[in-house]
Amino acid sequence: MGSPIVTPTIRTPLLAGESGGAGRTPVRTPAPTTKDWWLYWDALTRAVNTGTALLDTMIRAGTEDEMTDEPPAPPNAIWIVTDRDNVVYQVQIVAGGPQWVYVTGTMTGSLSELPTNLAEFDTNFTFATSDTLEVYRWSGSAWVNETPGGLYQSAVGSGNVTLTGTAQVVTGAAVTLERPGRHIIRGLFDFTVQGTGDLGLAMIGSITADAVAVPGPAAVLVSPAGAAGLTGARATVPGEWPYTAAAAGVVMRLVVAKSAGATGTSICVGTNSLISATWIGP
């Protein structure tokens, strides 16, 4: 550590002093002068320049390839990775030697841009996807999906569907899943019984994933049979299904039918029917 820089007293004349008072010894030899104020400013200037040069080695910026080409020195030096959204690495002593170690920052990009060259010293590197809206953390050996749950999507139907014995899509009641993983799919079906031919039949609501029926309990409204049954009866029936998407982009739809192809003209009121999807985790 160098000699402390001592400020001359406020009343010291600019030309005073030839002995170089305590703490104001020349920092270069031979010194052009030993005047107190000159020695002070000369020492201060050199200290600032030395600190600036040290700062240049302590905080650097460049691409990930440039960082890996640089020796990890000096200890505690910082590298800002410019081609990875300015995530920060630091020189740390690990297992007896210096290493560039990830310390903070999040890289963003499409899922296909997830880095493939990370290793032990990149542990906790964070990547946020811009297309699938997920968050990944590097464990030191693999990517871990740590996306918080709760993404909600919904859509309301846009027209009525006259029920038949064959499942039909409720127009407009469809959502395209934005993430892979586990979802809860909910449906609300607004059924109206029309015509005596449909008395005693079940009005059935279910869902499909990319036009394939999703297994699980259906949402059912049973119309009373016989003379006691009333046409015009209307009810909104809920249903819920767990569904795991292997990839984003799966289209979920409401589909409706009745239990037999009878002569009645019962309908599902699309404008009062809804499908929703809640993402709960990978």
C-alpha atoms as a PDB file:
ATOM      1  CA  MET A   1       0.000   0.000   0.000  1.00  0.00           C
ATOM      2  CA  GLY A   2       1.438   3.425  -0.947  1.00  0.00           C
ATOM      3  CA  SER A   3       2.034   6.388   1.314  1.00  0.00           C
ATOM      4  CA  PRO A   4      -1.108   8.295   2.332  1.00  0.00           C
ATOM      5  CA  ILE A   5      -1.812  11.527   0.466  1.00  0.00           C
ATOM      6  CA  VAL A   6      -1.770  14.355   3.000  1.00  0.00           C
ATOM      7  CA  THR A   7      -3.405  17.662   2.062  1.00  0.00           C
ATOM      8  CA  PRO A   8      -1.317  20.751   2.893  1.00  0.00           C
ATOM      9  CA  THR A   9      -2.909  23.103   5.392  1.00  0.00           C
ATOM     10  CA  ILE A  10      -5.248  25.632   3.852  1.00  0.00           C
ATOM     11  CA  ARG A  11      -2.879  28.510   4.550  1.00  0.00           C
ATOM     12  CA  THR A  12       0.140  26.863   2.923  1.00  0.00           C
ATOM     13  CA  PRO A  13       1.354  29.191   0.143  1.00  0.00           C
ATOM     14  CA  LEU A  14       1.627  27.612  -3.337  1.00  0.00           C
ATOM     15  CA  LEU A  15       5.388  28.106  -3.358  1.00  0.00           C
ATOM     16  CA  ALA A  16       5.960  27.061   0.240  1.00  0.00           C
ATOM     17  CA  GLY A  17       7.973  24.081   1.375  1.00  0.00           C
ATOM     18  CA  GLU A  18      11.084  22.461   0.078  1.00  0.00           C
ATOM     19  CA  SER A  19      11.301  19.602   2.532  1.00  0.00           C
ATOM     20  CA  GLY A  20       8.211  17.667   1.450  1.00  0.00           C
ATOM     21  CA  GLY A  21       6.114  17.479   4.623  1.00  0.00           C
ATOM     22  CA  ALA A  22       4.925  14.222   6.141  1.00  0.00           C
ATOM     23  CA  GLY A  23       2.850  12.296   3.656  1.00  0.00           C
ATOM     24  CA  ARG A  24       3.978  14.486   0.778  1.00  0.00           C
ATOM     25  CA  THR A  25       7.073  12.678  -0.365  1.00  0.00           C
ATOM     26  CA  PRO A  26       7.830  12.636  -4.088  1.00  0.00           C
ATOM     27  CA  VAL A  27       6.223   9.745  -5.970  1.00  0.00           C
ATOM     28  CA  ARG A  28       8.786   9.929  -8.749  1.00  0.00           C
ATOM     29  CA  THR A  29      12.539  10.383  -8.583  1.00  0.00           C
ATOM     30  CA  PRO A  30      13.993  12.767  -9.279  1.00  0.00           C
ATOM     31  CA  ALA A  31      11.060  15.075  -8.529  1.00  0.00           C
ATOM     32  CA  PRO A  32      11.050  18.345 -10.506  1.00  0.00           C
ATOM     33  CA  THR A  33      10.216  20.167  -7.279  1.00  0.00           C
ATOM     34  CA  THR A  34       9.395  19.439  -3.662  1.00  0.00           C
ATOM     35  CA  LYS A  35       6.884  22.239  -3.170  1.00  0.00           C
ATOM     36  CA  ASP A  36       4.101  21.023  -0.856  1.00  0.00           C
ATOM     37  CA  TRP A  37       1.169  21.735  -3.177  1.00  0.00           C
ATOM     38  CA  TRP A  38       2.903  20.321  -6.248  1.00  0.00           C
ATOM     39  CA  LEU A  39       3.703  17.104  -4.349  1.00  0.00           C
ATOM     40  CA  TYR A  40       0.054  16.863  -3.240  1.00  0.00           C
ATOM     41  CA  TRP A  41      -1.440  17.284  -6.710  1.00  0.00           C
ATOM     42  CA  ASP A  42       1.174  15.049  -8.306  1.00  0.00           C
ATOM     43  CA  ALA A  43       0.444  12.232  -5.825  1.00  0.00           C
ATOM     44  CA  LEU A  44      -3.327  12.705  -6.171  1.00  0.00           C
ATOM     45  CA  THR A  45      -3.171  12.612  -9.969  1.00  0.00           C
ATOM     46  CA  ARG A  46      -1.127   9.446  -9.974  1.00  0.00           C
ATOM     47  CA  ALA A  47      -3.468   7.792  -7.457  1.00  0.00           C
ATOM     48  CA  VAL A  48      -6.495   8.604  -9.624  1.00  0.00           C
ATOM     49  CA  ASN A  49      -4.770   7.321 -12.759  1.00  0.00           C
ATOM     50  CA  THR A  50      -3.732   4.134 -10.977  1.00  0.00           C
ATOM     51  CA  GLY A  51      -7.273   3.619  -9.708  1.00  0.00           C
ATOM     52  CA  THR A  52      -8.696   4.199 -13.188  1.00  0.00           C
ATOM     53  CA  ALA A  53      -6.334   1.655 -14.689  1.00  0.00           C
ATOM     54  CA  LEU A  54      -7.294  -0.837 -11.965  1.00  0.00           C
ATOM     55  CA  LEU A  55     -10.975  -0.147 -12.621  1.00  0.00           C
ATOM     56  CA  ASP A  56     -10.443  -0.999 -16.285  1.00  0.00           C
ATOM     57  CA  THR A  57      -9.249  -4.465 -15.261  1.00  0.00           C
ATOM     58  CA  MET A  58     -11.960  -4.908 -12.616  1.00  0.00           C
ATOM     59  CA  ILE A  59     -14.999  -4.122 -14.781  1.00  0.00           C
ATOM     60  CA  ARG A  60     -14.993  -5.318 -18.374  1.00  0.00           C
ATOM     61  CA  ALA A  61     -17.632  -6.025 -21.007  1.00  0.00           C
ATOM     62  CA  GLY A  62     -17.764  -8.196 -24.085  1.00  0.00           C
ATOM     63  CA  THR A  63     -19.279 -11.295 -25.598  1.00  0.00           C
ATOM     64  CA  GLU A  64     -19.430 -14.678 -23.916  1.00  0.00           C
ATOM     65  CA  ASP A  65     -16.705 -15.973 -26.259  1.00  0.00           C
ATOM     66  CA  GLU A  66     -14.460 -13.022 -25.376  1.00  0.00           C
ATOM     67  CA  MET A  67     -14.943 -13.690 -21.652  1.00  0.00           C
ATOM     68  CA  THR A  68     -13.978 -17.353 -21.952  1.00  0.00           C
ATOM     69  CA  ASP A  69     -10.875 -16.329 -23.914  1.00  0.00           C
ATOM     70  CA  GLU A  70      -9.787 -14.000 -21.084  1.00  0.00           C
ATOM     71  CA  PRO A  71      -7.915 -15.407 -18.071  1.00  0.00           C
ATOM     72  CA  PRO A  72     -10.088 -15.157 -14.924  1.00  0.00           C
ATOM     73  CA  ALA A  73      -8.145 -12.393 -13.181  1.00  0.00           C
ATOM     74  CA  PRO A  74      -7.834 -10.394 -11.010  1.00  0.00           C
ATOM     75  CA  PRO A  75      -9.962 -11.801  -8.163  1.00  0.00           C
ATOM     76  CA  ASN A  76     -13.426 -10.196  -7.897  1.00  0.00           C
ATOM     77  CA  ALA A  77     -13.207  -8.747 -11.425  1.00  0.00           C
ATOM     78  CA  ILE A  78     -16.577  -8.332 -13.165  1.00  0.00           C
ATOM     79  CA  TRP A  79     -17.479  -9.242 -16.753  1.00  0.00           C
ATOM     80  CA  ILE A  80     -20.721  -7.990 -18.364  1.00  0.00           C
ATOM     81  CA  VAL A  81     -21.743 -10.406 -21.136  1.00  0.00           C
ATOM     82  CA  THR A  82     -23.032  -8.160 -23.914  1.00  0.00           C
ATOM     83  CA  ASP A  83     -24.446 -10.907 -26.165  1.00  0.00           C
ATOM     84  CA  ARG A  84     -26.454 -12.427 -23.292  1.00  0.00           C
ATOM     85  CA  ASP A  85     -28.488  -9.413 -22.174  1.00  0.00           C
ATOM     86  CA  ASN A  86     -25.704  -8.098 -19.910  1.00  0.00           C
ATOM     87  CA  VAL A  87     -25.694 -10.955 -17.406  1.00  0.00           C
ATOM     88  CA  VAL A  88     -22.818 -10.585 -14.958  1.00  0.00           C
ATOM     89  CA  TYR A  89     -19.932 -12.924 -14.133  1.00  0.00           C
ATOM     90  CA  GLN A  90     -17.273 -12.471 -11.439  1.00  0.00           C
ATOM     91  CA  VAL A  91     -13.824 -13.945 -10.892  1.00  0.00           C
ATOM     92  CA  GLN A  92     -14.118 -16.155  -7.817  1.00  0.00           C
ATOM     93  CA  ILE A  93     -11.744 -18.652  -6.263  1.00  0.00           C
ATOM     94  CA  VAL A  94     -13.358 -22.070  -6.658  1.00  0.00           C
ATOM     95  CA  ALA A  95     -11.637 -25.345  -5.717  1.00  0.00           C
ATOM     96  CA  GLY A  96      -8.378 -23.483  -5.244  1.00  0.00           C
ATOM     97  CA  GLY A  97      -8.355 -21.634  -8.560  1.00  0.00           C
ATOM     98  CA  PRO A  98      -9.929 -18.558 -10.196  1.00  0.00           C
ATOM     99  CA  GLN A  99     -13.003 -19.052 -12.388  1.00  0.00           C
ATOM    100  CA  TRP A 100     -15.527 -16.855 -14.190  1.00  0.00           C
ATOM    101  CA  VAL A 101     -18.690 -17.508 -12.117  1.00  0.00           C
ATOM    102  CA  TYR A 102     -22.237 -16.356 -12.973  1.00  0.00           C
ATOM    103  CA  VAL A 103     -23.609 -13.974 -10.322  1.00  0.00           C
ATOM    104  CA  THR A 104     -26.694 -12.150 -11.646  1.00  0.00           C
ATOM    105  CA  GLY A 105     -28.869 -11.167 -14.594  1.00  0.00           C
ATOM    106  CA  THR A 106     -31.453 -12.758 -16.886  1.00  0.00           C
ATOM    107  CA  MET A 107     -31.058 -13.583 -20.562  1.00  0.00           C
ATOM    108  CA  THR A 108     -34.159 -13.467 -22.759  1.00  0.00           C
ATOM    109  CA  GLY A 109     -34.980 -15.033 -26.114  1.00  0.00           C
ATOM    110  CA  SER A 110     -37.032 -17.724 -27.798  1.00  0.00           C
ATOM    111  CA  LEU A 111     -36.980 -21.226 -26.351  1.00  0.00           C
ATOM    112  CA  SER A 112     -34.734 -22.340 -29.216  1.00  0.00           C
ATOM    113  CA  GLU A 113     -32.081 -19.845 -28.010  1.00  0.00           C
ATOM    114  CA  LEU A 114     -31.654 -21.516 -24.617  1.00  0.00           C
ATOM    115  CA  PRO A 115     -27.832 -21.693 -24.173  1.00  0.00           C
ATOM    116  CA  THR A 116     -26.362 -25.159 -24.672  1.00  0.00           C
ATOM    117  CA  ASN A 117     -22.807 -24.544 -23.442  1.00  0.00           C
ATOM    118  CA  LEU A 118     -23.345 -23.918 -19.721  1.00  0.00           C
ATOM    119  CA  ALA A 119     -21.462 -25.837 -17.035  1.00  0.00           C
ATOM    120  CA  GLU A 120     -20.824 -25.951 -13.299  1.00  0.00           C
ATOM    121  CA  PHE A 121     -19.765 -22.316 -12.881  1.00  0.00           C
ATOM    122  CA  ASP A 122     -22.914 -21.072 -14.654  1.00  0.00           C
ATOM    123  CA  THR A 123     -25.147 -22.376 -11.840  1.00  0.00           C
ATOM    124  CA  ASN A 124     -28.338 -20.281 -11.367  1.00  0.00           C
ATOM    125  CA  PHE A 125     -28.036 -18.694 -14.824  1.00  0.00           C
ATOM    126  CA  THR A 126     -31.585 -17.536 -15.618  1.00  0.00           C
ATOM    127  CA  PHE A 127     -33.298 -17.535 -19.021  1.00  0.00           C
ATOM    128  CA  ALA A 128     -36.764 -16.110 -19.757  1.00  0.00           C
ATOM    129  CA  THR A 129     -38.439 -17.221 -22.988  1.00  0.00           C
ATOM    130  CA  SER A 130     -40.197 -14.600 -25.088  1.00  0.00           C
ATOM    131  CA  ASP A 131     -42.309 -17.081 -27.074  1.00  0.00           C
ATOM    132  CA  THR A 132     -43.507 -19.616 -24.472  1.00  0.00           C
ATOM    133  CA  LEU A 133     -43.373 -17.169 -21.502  1.00  0.00           C
ATOM    134  CA  GLU A 134     -41.360 -19.510 -19.298  1.00  0.00           C
ATOM    135  CA  VAL A 135     -38.472 -19.060 -16.844  1.00  0.00           C
ATOM    136  CA  TYR A 136     -35.574 -21.531 -16.773  1.00  0.00           C
ATOM    137  CA  ARG A 137     -32.705 -21.798 -14.249  1.00  0.00           C
ATOM    138  CA  TRP A 138     -29.453 -23.681 -14.880  1.00  0.00           C
ATOM    139  CA  SER A 139     -28.838 -26.152 -12.029  1.00  0.00           C
ATOM    140  CA  GLY A 140     -25.168 -26.648 -12.835  1.00  0.00           C
ATOM    141  CA  SER A 141     -25.896 -29.645 -15.038  1.00  0.00           C
ATOM    142  CA  ALA A 142     -29.371 -29.157 -16.566  1.00  0.00           C
ATOM    143  CA  TRP A 143     -32.116 -26.599 -17.213  1.00  0.00           C
ATOM    144  CA  VAL A 144     -34.923 -26.494 -14.641  1.00  0.00           C
ATOM    145  CA  ASN A 145     -38.291 -24.954 -15.563  1.00  0.00           C
ATOM    146  CA  GLU A 146     -39.215 -22.571 -12.742  1.00  0.00           C
ATOM    147  CA  THR A 147     -42.070 -20.724 -14.421  1.00  0.00           C
ATOM    148  CA  PRO A 148     -44.619 -19.569 -11.827  1.00  0.00           C
ATOM    149  CA  GLY A 149     -48.105 -20.970 -12.391  1.00  0.00           C
ATOM    150  CA  GLY A 150     -51.258 -18.988 -12.978  1.00  0.00           C
ATOM    151  CA  LEU A 151     -51.357 -18.141 -16.711  1.00  0.00           C
ATOM    152  CA  TYR A 152     -55.072 -17.884 -17.542  1.00  0.00           C
ATOM    153  CA  GLN A 153     -56.701 -17.992 -20.974  1.00  0.00           C
ATOM    154  CA  SER A 154     -60.390 -17.988 -21.897  1.00  0.00           C
ATOM    155  CA  ALA A 155     -62.790 -17.614 -24.808  1.00  0.00           C
ATOM    156  CA  VAL A 156     -66.571 -17.272 -25.180  1.00  0.00           C
ATOM    157  CA  GLY A 157     -68.560 -18.935 -27.953  1.00  0.00           C
ATOM    158  CA  SER A 158     -70.066 -16.899 -30.768  1.00  0.00           C
ATOM    159  CA  GLY A 159     -73.149 -18.816 -31.915  1.00  0.00           C
ATOM    160  CA  ASN A 160     -75.765 -21.405 -31.004  1.00  0.00           C
ATOM    161  CA  VAL A 161     -75.303 -25.105 -31.761  1.00  0.00           C
ATOM    162  CA  THR A 162     -78.325 -27.347 -32.438  1.00  0.00           C
ATOM    163  CA  LEU A 163     -77.559 -30.591 -30.649  1.00  0.00           C
ATOM    164  CA  THR A 164     -77.376 -33.957 -32.412  1.00  0.00           C
ATOM    165  CA  GLY A 165     -76.163 -37.370 -31.394  1.00  0.00           C
ATOM    166  CA  THR A 166     -72.699 -36.441 -32.746  1.00  0.00           C
ATOM    167  CA  ALA A 167     -70.295 -34.102 -30.962  1.00  0.00           C
ATOM    168  CA  GLN A 168     -70.070 -30.636 -32.525  1.00  0.00           C
ATOM    169  CA  VAL A 169     -67.715 -27.729 -31.865  1.00  0.00           C
ATOM    170  CA  VAL A 170     -69.061 -24.608 -30.139  1.00  0.00           C
ATOM    171  CA  THR A 171     -67.899 -21.911 -32.554  1.00  0.00           C
ATOM    172  CA  GLY A 172     -65.526 -19.409 -30.928  1.00  0.00           C
ATOM    173  CA  ALA A 173     -65.120 -21.351 -27.681  1.00  0.00           C
ATOM    174  CA  ALA A 174     -61.458 -22.257 -28.237  1.00  0.00           C
ATOM    175  CA  VAL A 175     -58.105 -21.372 -26.660  1.00  0.00           C
ATOM    176  CA  THR A 176     -54.606 -22.083 -27.937  1.00  0.00           C
ATOM    177  CA  LEU A 177     -52.373 -23.108 -25.028  1.00  0.00           C
ATOM    178  CA  GLU A 178     -49.396 -20.764 -24.735  1.00  0.00           C
ATOM    179  CA  ARG A 179     -47.230 -23.125 -22.679  1.00  0.00           C
ATOM    180  CA  PRO A 180     -46.465 -26.820 -22.479  1.00  0.00           C
ATOM    181  CA  GLY A 181     -47.202 -28.514 -19.189  1.00  0.00           C
ATOM    182  CA  ARG A 182     -50.084 -29.157 -16.819  1.00  0.00           C
ATOM    183  CA  HIS A 183     -53.367 -27.258 -17.208  1.00  0.00           C
ATOM    184  CA  ILE A 184     -56.832 -27.193 -15.705  1.00  0.00           C
ATOM    185  CA  ILE A 185     -59.399 -26.798 -18.491  1.00  0.00           C
ATOM    186  CA  ARG A 186     -62.852 -25.571 -17.493  1.00  0.00           C
ATOM    187  CA  GLY A 187     -66.005 -25.359 -19.550  1.00  0.00           C
ATOM    188  CA  LEU A 188     -69.388 -23.704 -19.022  1.00  0.00           C
ATOM    189  CA  PHE A 189     -72.191 -25.030 -21.255  1.00  0.00           C
ATOM    190  CA  ASP A 190     -75.503 -23.164 -21.559  1.00  0.00           C
ATOM    191  CA  PHE A 191     -78.110 -25.748 -22.654  1.00  0.00           C
ATOM    192  CA  THR A 192     -81.741 -25.115 -23.615  1.00  0.00           C
ATOM    193  CA  VAL A 193     -84.146 -28.039 -24.094  1.00  0.00           C
ATOM    194  CA  GLN A 194     -86.358 -27.552 -27.147  1.00  0.00           C
ATOM    195  CA  GLY A 195     -88.986 -29.969 -28.416  1.00  0.00           C
ATOM    196  CA  THR A 196     -90.752 -32.896 -26.739  1.00  0.00           C
ATOM    197  CA  GLY A 197     -88.564 -35.289 -28.710  1.00  0.00           C
ATOM    198  CA  ASP A 198     -85.629 -34.385 -26.486  1.00  0.00           C
ATOM    199  CA  LEU A 199     -87.387 -34.955 -23.170  1.00  0.00           C
ATOM    200  CA  GLY A 200     -85.504 -37.545 -21.128  1.00  0.00           C
ATOM    201  CA  LEU A 201     -82.244 -37.058 -23.034  1.00  0.00           C
ATOM    202  CA  ALA A 202     -78.872 -35.919 -21.684  1.00  0.00           C
ATOM    203  CA  MET A 203     -77.274 -32.727 -23.013  1.00  0.00           C
ATOM    204  CA  ILE A 204     -73.526 -33.420 -22.957  1.00  0.00           C
ATOM    205  CA  GLY A 205     -70.600 -30.995 -22.882  1.00  0.00           C
ATOM    206  CA  SER A 206     -66.943 -32.005 -23.215  1.00  0.00           C
ATOM    207  CA  ILE A 207     -63.645 -30.783 -24.695  1.00  0.00           C
ATOM    208  CA  THR A 208     -61.146 -31.711 -27.378  1.00  0.00           C
ATOM    209  CA  ALA A 209     -57.402 -31.112 -27.721  1.00  0.00           C
ATOM    210  CA  ASP A 210     -56.403 -30.601 -31.356  1.00  0.00           C
ATOM    211  CA  ALA A 211     -59.721 -32.240 -32.336  1.00  0.00           C
ATOM    212  CA  VAL A 212     -59.093 -35.321 -30.145  1.00  0.00           C
ATOM    213  CA  ALA A 213     -61.537 -35.997 -27.288  1.00  0.00           C
ATOM    214  CA  VAL A 214     -60.064 -35.439 -23.825  1.00  0.00           C
ATOM    215  CA  PRO A 215     -61.010 -38.237 -21.402  1.00  0.00           C
ATOM    216  CA  GLY A 216     -62.793 -37.404 -18.215  1.00  0.00           C
ATOM    217  CA  PRO A 217     -66.303 -36.804 -16.840  1.00  0.00           C
ATOM    218  CA  ALA A 218     -68.606 -34.872 -19.151  1.00  0.00           C
ATOM    219  CA  ALA A 219     -70.788 -31.915 -18.177  1.00  0.00           C
ATOM    220  CA  VAL A 220     -74.349 -33.264 -18.408  1.00  0.00           C
ATOM    221  CA  LEU A 221     -77.855 -31.800 -18.209  1.00  0.00           C
ATOM    222  CA  VAL A 222     -80.633 -34.421 -18.133  1.00  0.00           C
ATOM    223  CA  SER A 223     -84.045 -33.277 -19.311  1.00  0.00           C
ATOM    224  CA  PRO A 224     -86.978 -34.779 -17.382  1.00  0.00           C
ATOM    225  CA  ALA A 225     -88.898 -37.349 -19.376  1.00  0.00           C
ATOM    226  CA  GLY A 226     -92.614 -37.874 -19.962  1.00  0.00           C
ATOM    227  CA  ALA A 227     -95.517 -35.496 -19.620  1.00  0.00           C
ATOM    228  CA  ALA A 228     -93.906 -33.874 -16.548  1.00  0.00           C
ATOM    229  CA  GLY A 229     -90.933 -32.831 -18.603  1.00  0.00           C
ATOM    230  CA  LEU A 230     -90.909 -29.243 -19.761  1.00  0.00           C
ATOM    231  CA  THR A 231     -89.450 -27.967 -22.986  1.00  0.00           C
ATOM    232  CA  GLY A 232     -87.668 -24.649 -22.761  1.00  0.00           C
ATOM    233  CA  ALA A 233     -85.794 -25.678 -19.617  1.00  0.00           C
ATOM    234  CA  ARG A 234     -82.389 -23.976 -19.520  1.00  0.00           C
ATOM    235  CA  ALA A 235     -79.291 -24.457 -17.359  1.00  0.00           C
ATOM    236  CA  THR A 236     -75.600 -23.587 -17.345  1.00  0.00           C
ATOM    237  CA  VAL A 237     -73.544 -26.700 -16.605  1.00  0.00           C
ATOM    238  CA  PRO A 238     -69.842 -26.579 -15.554  1.00  0.00           C
ATOM    239  CA  GLY A 239     -67.129 -29.116 -16.316  1.00  0.00           C
ATOM    240  CA  GLU A 240     -63.435 -29.440 -15.445  1.00  0.00           C
ATOM    241  CA  TRP A 241     -60.619 -31.528 -16.954  1.00  0.00           C
ATOM    242  CA  PRO A 242     -56.887 -31.886 -16.207  1.00  0.00           C
ATOM    243  CA  TYR A 243     -54.748 -31.775 -19.330  1.00  0.00           C
ATOM    244  CA  THR A 244     -50.989 -31.949 -19.913  1.00  0.00           C
ATOM    245  CA  ALA A 245     -49.692 -30.407 -23.138  1.00  0.00           C
ATOM    246  CA  ALA A 246     -46.485 -31.810 -24.558  1.00  0.00           C
ATOM    247  CA  ALA A 247     -45.845 -28.528 -26.367  1.00  0.00           C
ATOM    248  CA  ALA A 248     -47.325 -25.061 -26.707  1.00  0.00           C
ATOM    249  CA  GLY A 249     -49.897 -24.481 -29.450  1.00  0.00           C
ATOM    250  CA  VAL A 250     -52.489 -27.139 -28.561  1.00  0.00           C
ATOM    251  CA  VAL A 251     -56.022 -25.917 -29.424  1.00  0.00           C
ATOM    252  CA  MET A 252     -58.658 -26.701 -26.792  1.00  0.00           C
ATOM    253  CA  ARG A 253     -62.341 -26.505 -27.811  1.00  0.00           C
ATOM    254  CA  LEU A 254     -65.795 -26.993 -26.335  1.00  0.00           C
ATOM    255  CA  VAL A 255     -67.876 -29.709 -28.006  1.00  0.00           C
ATOM    256  CA  VAL A 256     -71.519 -30.571 -27.363  1.00  0.00           C
ATOM    257  CA  ALA A 257     -73.996 -33.340 -28.212  1.00  0.00           C
ATOM    258  CA  LYS A 258     -77.119 -35.050 -26.894  1.00  0.00           C
ATOM    259  CA  SER A 259     -77.439 -38.671 -25.892  1.00  0.00           C
ATOM    260  CA  ALA A 260     -79.531 -39.653 -28.923  1.00  0.00           C
ATOM    261  CA  GLY A 261     -80.428 -38.219 -32.303  1.00  0.00           C
ATOM    262  CA  ALA A 262     -84.034 -37.494 -31.333  1.00  0.00           C
ATOM    263  CA  THR A 263     -86.449 -35.123 -33.049  1.00  0.00           C
ATOM    264  CA  GLY A 264     -86.096 -32.229 -30.633  1.00  0.00           C
ATOM    265  CA  THR A 265     -84.087 -29.070 -31.442  1.00  0.00           C
ATOM    266  CA  SER A 266     -82.280 -28.481 -28.160  1.00  0.00           C
ATOM    267  CA  ILE A 267     -79.356 -26.068 -28.350  1.00  0.00           C
ATOM    268  CA  CYS A 268     -76.163 -24.963 -26.665  1.00  0.00           C
ATOM    269  CA  VAL A 269     -76.207 -21.169 -26.408  1.00  0.00           C
ATOM    270  CA  GLY A 270     -72.683 -20.352 -27.550  1.00  0.00           C
ATOM    271  CA  THR A 271     -72.674 -16.728 -26.445  1.00  0.00           C
ATOM    272  CA  ASN A 272     -73.217 -17.907 -22.858  1.00  0.00           C
ATOM    273  CA  SER A 273     -70.738 -20.797 -23.031  1.00  0.00           C
ATOM    274  CA  LEU A 274     -67.061 -20.449 -22.144  1.00  0.00           C
ATOM    275  CA  ILE A 275     -63.810 -22.385 -22.135  1.00  0.00           C
ATOM    276  CA  SER A 276     -60.823 -21.477 -19.949  1.00  0.00           C
ATOM    277  CA  ALA A 277     -57.320 -22.868 -19.416  1.00  0.00           C
ATOM    278  CA  THR A 278     -55.164 -22.260 -16.345  1.00  0.00           C
ATOM    279  CA  TRP A 279     -51.496 -23.282 -16.541  1.00  0.00           C
ATOM    280  CA  ILE A 280     -50.365 -24.749 -13.217  1.00  0.00           C
ATOM    281  CA  GLY A 281     -46.831 -25.952 -13.932  1.00  0.00           C
ATOM    282  CA  PRO A 282     -44.478 -27.824 -16.271  1.00  0.00           C
END
